[in-house]
Amino acid sequence: MQRLLFLFLLLCGACDSRAVNLIEPPEVATAVGGATLRWKLDSPAGGRVHFGLSAGSLDQTASDAVGTEHAVTLRGLQSGKRYFYSVGTAKHELTTGSFIADNGAAEAKAGSSTTKTVPSAPGAELPPPRRTILQKITGFISEPSTPARATAPPVTPNAVVRDAPATRRTWGNIGSLPDHFARHGGDFAAKSADDYAAQAWRFRERAVSERLPMKLDTDGTVRVFDPKTRAFASFNRDGTTKTYFRPDNPAYWQRQPGRPIQTPPWVSQ
């Protein structure tokens, strides 16, 4: 009986220690009074967010069911306040970050300009309860195939965007750009959020011309990796950017889901 109990406890410990990893950094979409965090895991687990007004005091919690794709909505946020958060499972913290609660205009982390958080596709809703990230861009055509949104992206003085389309055409969810720039802009010495978005667009163009390794996921996400520079990016099916950074883990690319492709969907659109 004691041996059986020992084996049972050993198996429980092994289950608890099973590694769960983020497939890519979480995305944050804000709306007045709330925000939604979305992330994807490499294996099923419950999702949990701890958040608060101080990085040292994440005293509020929100969670959702077991799965690999999570979308947790935080409600009752104070407009204009910066919230800090940790994302993970019920037992493990996977990553941390921060965002500014929407007060009608989302503040960029770097620079003095602001931008509204708006839906990325016709009919989409911002949280609560949901967020979408798809926006139409033109790919290789100089003029957009759909009317450009009236809301301008954050613009920082001396932004380097001379050889790239406007940020609102290249970045899928403008509301998430300040957070991505704050966390990953340093990976590419980006001077501003617009410079960071422009570099991601150039990486997209180079990925096609140089035939960099690409994977197409079932949800339409295209992931690209450059083995030489370790740059990684994921794009929506229409070619707009979701994220752009340099992973610390050498095995990060091998863990990414999707089937290998040579031509991304937006080339034929």
Protein backbone atom coordinates (compact mmCIF):
# COMPACT_ATOMS: atom_id res chain seq x y z
CA MET A 1 0.00 0.00 0.00
CA GLN A 2 2.83 2.36 0.85
CA ARG A 3 4.48 1.64 -2.49
CA LEU A 4 1.24 2.41 -4.34
CA LEU A 5 0.86 5.68 -2.42
CA PHE A 6 4.46 6.60 -3.24
CA LEU A 7 3.93 5.90 -6.94
CA PHE A 8 0.72 7.97 -6.92
CA LEU A 9 2.47 10.95 -5.33
CA LEU A 10 5.36 10.60 -7.79
CA LEU A 11 2.97 10.66 -10.75
CA CYS A 12 1.18 13.72 -9.36
CA GLY A 13 4.48 15.52 -8.99
CA ALA A 14 5.41 14.67 -12.58
CA CYS A 15 2.08 16.04 -13.83
CA ASP A 16 2.51 19.26 -11.88
CA SER A 17 6.01 19.77 -13.26
CA ARG A 18 5.00 19.28 -16.91
CA ALA A 19 6.35 22.23 -18.85
CA VAL A 20 3.80 24.57 -20.41
CA ASN A 21 5.19 27.25 -22.71
CA LEU A 22 3.91 30.33 -24.49
CA ILE A 23 3.89 30.00 -28.26
CA GLU A 24 4.21 33.78 -28.63
CA PRO A 25 3.90 36.80 -26.32
CA PRO A 26 0.39 37.80 -25.16
CA GLU A 27 -1.49 40.56 -26.96
CA VAL A 28 -3.45 43.24 -25.13
CA ALA A 29 -6.48 45.08 -26.52
CA THR A 30 -7.97 47.87 -24.43
CA ALA A 31 -11.41 49.45 -24.30
CA VAL A 32 -12.89 51.99 -21.89
CA GLY A 33 -13.17 50.26 -18.51
CA GLY A 34 -11.56 46.99 -19.58
CA ALA A 35 -8.93 45.07 -21.51
CA THR A 36 -8.57 41.61 -23.03
CA LEU A 37 -5.33 39.59 -22.96
CA ARG A 38 -4.91 36.82 -25.54
CA TRP A 39 -2.20 34.18 -25.63
CA LYS A 40 -1.56 30.65 -26.90
CA LEU A 41 0.11 27.73 -25.12
CA ASP A 42 1.88 24.70 -26.56
CA SER A 43 -0.25 22.32 -24.46
CA PRO A 44 -3.67 22.56 -22.76
CA ALA A 45 -3.83 24.29 -19.38
CA GLY A 46 -6.04 26.71 -17.51
CA GLY A 47 -5.36 30.40 -18.16
CA ARG A 48 -4.89 32.92 -15.37
CA VAL A 49 -4.03 36.63 -15.21
CA HIS A 50 -2.90 38.44 -12.08
CA PHE A 51 -3.04 42.22 -12.41
CA GLY A 52 -2.88 45.42 -10.40
CA LEU A 53 -1.69 49.01 -10.28
CA SER A 54 1.77 48.03 -9.05
CA ALA A 55 4.22 45.45 -10.38
CA GLY A 56 4.77 44.34 -6.79
CA SER A 57 1.07 44.04 -5.96
CA LEU A 58 -0.87 42.04 -8.54
CA ASP A 59 -3.88 41.76 -6.23
CA GLN A 60 -6.60 41.02 -8.79
CA THR A 61 -7.17 37.81 -10.73
CA ALA A 62 -9.08 36.70 -13.82
CA SER A 63 -9.03 33.26 -15.44
CA ASP A 64 -10.61 31.03 -18.08
CA ALA A 65 -11.03 27.33 -18.89
CA VAL A 66 -8.43 24.71 -19.81
CA GLY A 67 -7.20 24.96 -23.40
CA THR A 68 -4.30 26.09 -25.58
CA GLU A 69 -5.83 29.42 -26.68
CA HIS A 70 -6.82 31.89 -23.98
CA ALA A 71 -8.68 35.19 -23.97
CA VAL A 72 -9.16 36.74 -20.52
CA THR A 73 -11.08 39.99 -20.10
CA LEU A 74 -10.20 42.34 -17.24
CA ARG A 75 -13.07 44.60 -16.17
CA GLY A 76 -13.56 47.59 -13.94
CA LEU A 77 -10.22 49.22 -14.84
CA GLN A 78 -9.50 52.85 -14.01
CA SER A 79 -9.16 54.92 -17.18
CA GLY A 80 -5.70 56.27 -17.89
CA LYS A 81 -4.00 54.14 -15.22
CA ARG A 82 -1.10 51.81 -15.97
CA TYR A 83 -1.82 48.20 -15.03
CA PHE A 84 0.81 45.55 -14.52
CA TYR A 85 0.03 41.88 -15.16
CA SER A 86 1.39 38.36 -15.16
CA VAL A 87 0.07 35.73 -17.57
CA GLY A 88 0.23 32.00 -17.10
CA THR A 89 -1.59 28.99 -15.73
CA ALA A 90 -3.13 28.34 -12.34
CA LYS A 91 0.27 27.17 -11.05
CA HIS A 92 2.90 28.84 -13.20
CA GLU A 93 3.68 32.41 -14.24
CA LEU A 94 4.85 32.50 -17.87
CA THR A 95 5.41 36.18 -18.60
CA THR A 96 4.71 39.70 -17.33
CA GLY A 97 3.90 43.08 -18.87
CA SER A 98 1.92 46.28 -18.50
CA PHE A 99 -0.59 48.42 -20.38
CA ILE A 100 -2.51 51.66 -19.92
CA ALA A 101 -6.25 51.37 -19.38
CA ASP A 102 -8.15 53.14 -22.15
CA ASN A 103 -9.67 56.52 -21.39
CA GLY A 104 -10.81 57.10 -24.95
CA ALA A 105 -7.23 57.37 -26.25
CA ALA A 106 -4.60 54.72 -25.58
CA GLU A 107 -1.28 56.24 -24.55
CA ALA A 108 1.86 55.05 -26.28
CA LYS A 109 4.61 53.91 -23.93
CA ALA A 110 7.26 55.86 -25.82
CA GLY A 111 6.59 59.28 -27.32
CA SER A 112 3.96 61.90 -26.58
CA SER A 113 1.37 60.99 -29.21
CA THR A 114 -1.75 58.91 -28.62
CA THR A 115 -4.03 56.69 -30.63
CA LYS A 116 -7.49 55.22 -30.16
CA THR A 117 -7.95 51.50 -29.83
CA VAL A 118 -10.32 50.55 -32.65
CA PRO A 119 -11.61 47.26 -34.10
CA SER A 120 -9.31 45.73 -36.68
CA ALA A 121 -11.98 44.33 -38.98
CA PRO A 122 -15.54 45.29 -39.96
CA GLY A 123 -18.06 44.12 -37.38
CA ALA A 124 -15.37 43.36 -34.78
CA GLU A 125 -15.89 44.29 -31.15
CA LEU A 126 -13.30 45.41 -28.67
CA PRO A 127 -13.36 43.90 -25.21
CA PRO A 128 -15.39 43.45 -23.33
CA PRO A 129 -16.21 40.83 -24.53
CA ARG A 130 -13.84 40.14 -27.46
CA ARG A 131 -11.07 41.57 -29.62
CA THR A 132 -10.09 40.86 -33.23
CA ILE A 133 -6.68 41.50 -34.81
CA LEU A 134 -7.22 41.26 -38.58
CA GLN A 135 -6.97 44.41 -40.66
CA LYS A 136 -6.75 44.65 -44.45
CA ILE A 137 -3.55 45.95 -46.06
CA THR A 138 -2.47 46.04 -49.68
CA GLY A 139 0.54 43.70 -49.67
CA PHE A 140 2.72 44.75 -52.58
CA ILE A 141 0.32 47.40 -53.99
CA SER A 142 1.05 51.01 -53.10
CA GLU A 143 -2.58 52.02 -52.56
CA PRO A 144 -4.98 50.29 -50.13
CA SER A 145 -7.73 48.05 -51.49
CA THR A 146 -10.04 49.16 -48.66
CA PRO A 147 -10.50 52.62 -47.15
CA ALA A 148 -7.87 53.47 -44.54
CA ARG A 149 -9.06 53.94 -40.98
CA ALA A 150 -9.51 57.51 -39.87
CA THR A 151 -7.60 56.99 -36.61
CA ALA A 152 -3.88 57.60 -37.02
CA PRO A 153 -1.22 55.38 -35.37
CA PRO A 154 1.16 56.73 -32.73
CA VAL A 155 3.86 58.85 -34.36
CA THR A 156 7.12 59.69 -32.66
CA PRO A 157 9.43 62.50 -33.94
CA ASN A 158 12.15 61.27 -36.31
CA ALA A 159 10.39 57.96 -36.91
CA VAL A 160 12.14 55.91 -39.60
CA VAL A 161 9.32 54.93 -41.98
CA ARG A 162 10.56 56.30 -45.32
CA ASP A 163 10.49 52.98 -47.17
CA ALA A 164 7.45 51.37 -45.52
CA PRO A 165 3.69 52.01 -45.73
CA ALA A 166 1.93 53.85 -42.91
CA THR A 167 1.85 51.91 -39.64
CA ARG A 168 -1.95 51.69 -39.72
CA ARG A 169 -1.59 49.60 -42.89
CA THR A 170 1.13 47.23 -41.64
CA TRP A 171 0.32 46.56 -37.97
CA GLY A 172 -2.72 44.35 -37.37
CA ASN A 173 -3.91 45.72 -34.01
CA ILE A 174 -2.79 49.31 -33.47
CA GLY A 175 -3.84 49.15 -29.82
CA SER A 176 -1.23 46.44 -29.14
CA LEU A 177 1.66 48.26 -30.85
CA PRO A 178 2.85 50.42 -27.88
CA ASP A 179 3.14 47.33 -25.67
CA HIS A 180 4.98 45.29 -28.32
CA PHE A 181 7.35 48.21 -29.01
CA ALA A 182 8.06 48.68 -25.29
CA ARG A 183 8.90 44.99 -24.85
CA HIS A 184 10.63 44.19 -28.15
CA GLY A 185 11.70 47.45 -29.80
CA GLY A 186 15.10 47.18 -28.13
CA ASP A 187 15.70 43.87 -29.94
CA PHE A 188 16.08 45.88 -33.17
CA ALA A 189 17.25 49.28 -31.83
CA ALA A 190 13.94 50.77 -33.01
CA LYS A 191 13.72 54.54 -32.51
CA SER A 192 9.93 54.62 -32.19
CA ALA A 193 6.83 52.48 -32.40
CA ASP A 194 6.52 53.42 -36.07
CA ASP A 195 10.16 52.50 -36.73
CA TYR A 196 9.56 49.14 -35.01
CA ALA A 197 6.44 48.50 -37.14
CA ALA A 198 8.34 49.50 -40.29
CA GLN A 199 11.16 47.09 -39.47
CA ALA A 200 8.62 44.29 -39.04
CA TRP A 201 7.18 45.15 -42.46
CA ARG A 202 10.66 45.07 -44.04
CA PHE A 203 11.25 41.68 -42.40
CA ARG A 204 8.01 40.46 -43.97
CA GLU A 205 9.19 41.60 -47.41
CA ARG A 206 12.63 40.06 -46.92
CA ALA A 207 11.07 36.78 -45.76
CA VAL A 208 9.39 36.40 -49.15
CA SER A 209 12.36 37.45 -51.30
CA GLU A 210 14.91 35.40 -49.32
CA ARG A 211 12.54 32.44 -48.75
CA LEU A 212 13.04 32.43 -45.00
CA PRO A 213 11.47 29.53 -43.05
CA MET A 214 7.68 30.03 -42.73
CA LYS A 215 4.85 28.14 -41.08
CA LEU A 216 1.10 28.56 -41.65
CA ASP A 217 -1.10 27.81 -38.64
CA THR A 218 -4.71 26.60 -38.85
CA ASP A 219 -6.01 30.02 -37.75
CA GLY A 220 -4.23 31.74 -40.67
CA THR A 221 -1.25 32.99 -38.65
CA VAL A 222 2.01 32.99 -40.60
CA ARG A 223 5.17 32.66 -38.52
CA VAL A 224 8.61 33.53 -39.95
CA PHE A 225 12.10 32.93 -38.58
CA ASP A 226 15.54 34.05 -39.73
CA PRO A 227 18.13 31.53 -38.44
CA LYS A 228 20.99 33.98 -39.03
CA THR A 229 19.63 36.95 -37.08
CA ARG A 230 17.23 34.95 -34.84
CA ALA A 231 14.46 37.42 -35.74
CA PHE A 232 10.95 36.01 -35.39
CA ALA A 233 7.63 37.50 -36.46
CA SER A 234 4.05 36.40 -36.82
CA PHE A 235 1.63 37.91 -39.32
CA ASN A 236 -2.07 37.71 -39.98
CA ARG A 237 -3.30 36.03 -43.16
CA ASP A 238 -3.60 39.46 -44.82
CA GLY A 239 0.06 40.29 -44.06
CA THR A 240 -0.43 42.66 -41.13
CA THR A 241 1.99 42.19 -38.24
CA LYS A 242 1.05 40.52 -34.95
CA THR A 243 4.46 40.57 -33.24
CA TYR A 244 8.18 40.89 -33.99
CA PHE A 245 11.02 39.99 -31.61
CA ARG A 246 14.11 37.83 -31.00
CA PRO A 247 13.37 34.73 -28.89
CA ASP A 248 15.82 33.85 -26.12
CA ASN A 249 15.26 30.11 -26.48
CA PRO A 250 17.16 28.50 -29.41
CA ALA A 251 14.40 25.88 -29.73
CA TYR A 252 11.62 28.47 -29.95
CA TRP A 253 11.13 28.12 -33.71
CA GLN A 254 10.99 24.32 -33.60
CA ARG A 255 8.12 24.53 -31.08
CA GLN A 256 5.98 26.77 -33.28
CA PRO A 257 2.86 25.13 -34.72
CA GLY A 258 1.86 25.11 -38.37
CA ARG A 259 2.90 23.50 -41.65
CA PRO A 260 5.94 24.74 -43.61
CA ILE A 261 5.12 26.97 -46.59
CA GLN A 262 7.11 28.89 -49.20
CA THR A 263 4.55 31.51 -50.27
CA PRO A 264 2.47 33.35 -47.65
CA PRO A 265 -1.28 33.90 -48.24
CA TRP A 266 -1.04 37.66 -48.72
CA VAL A 267 1.14 37.31 -51.86
CA SER A 268 -1.79 35.80 -53.78
CA GLN A 269 -4.41 38.22 -52.40
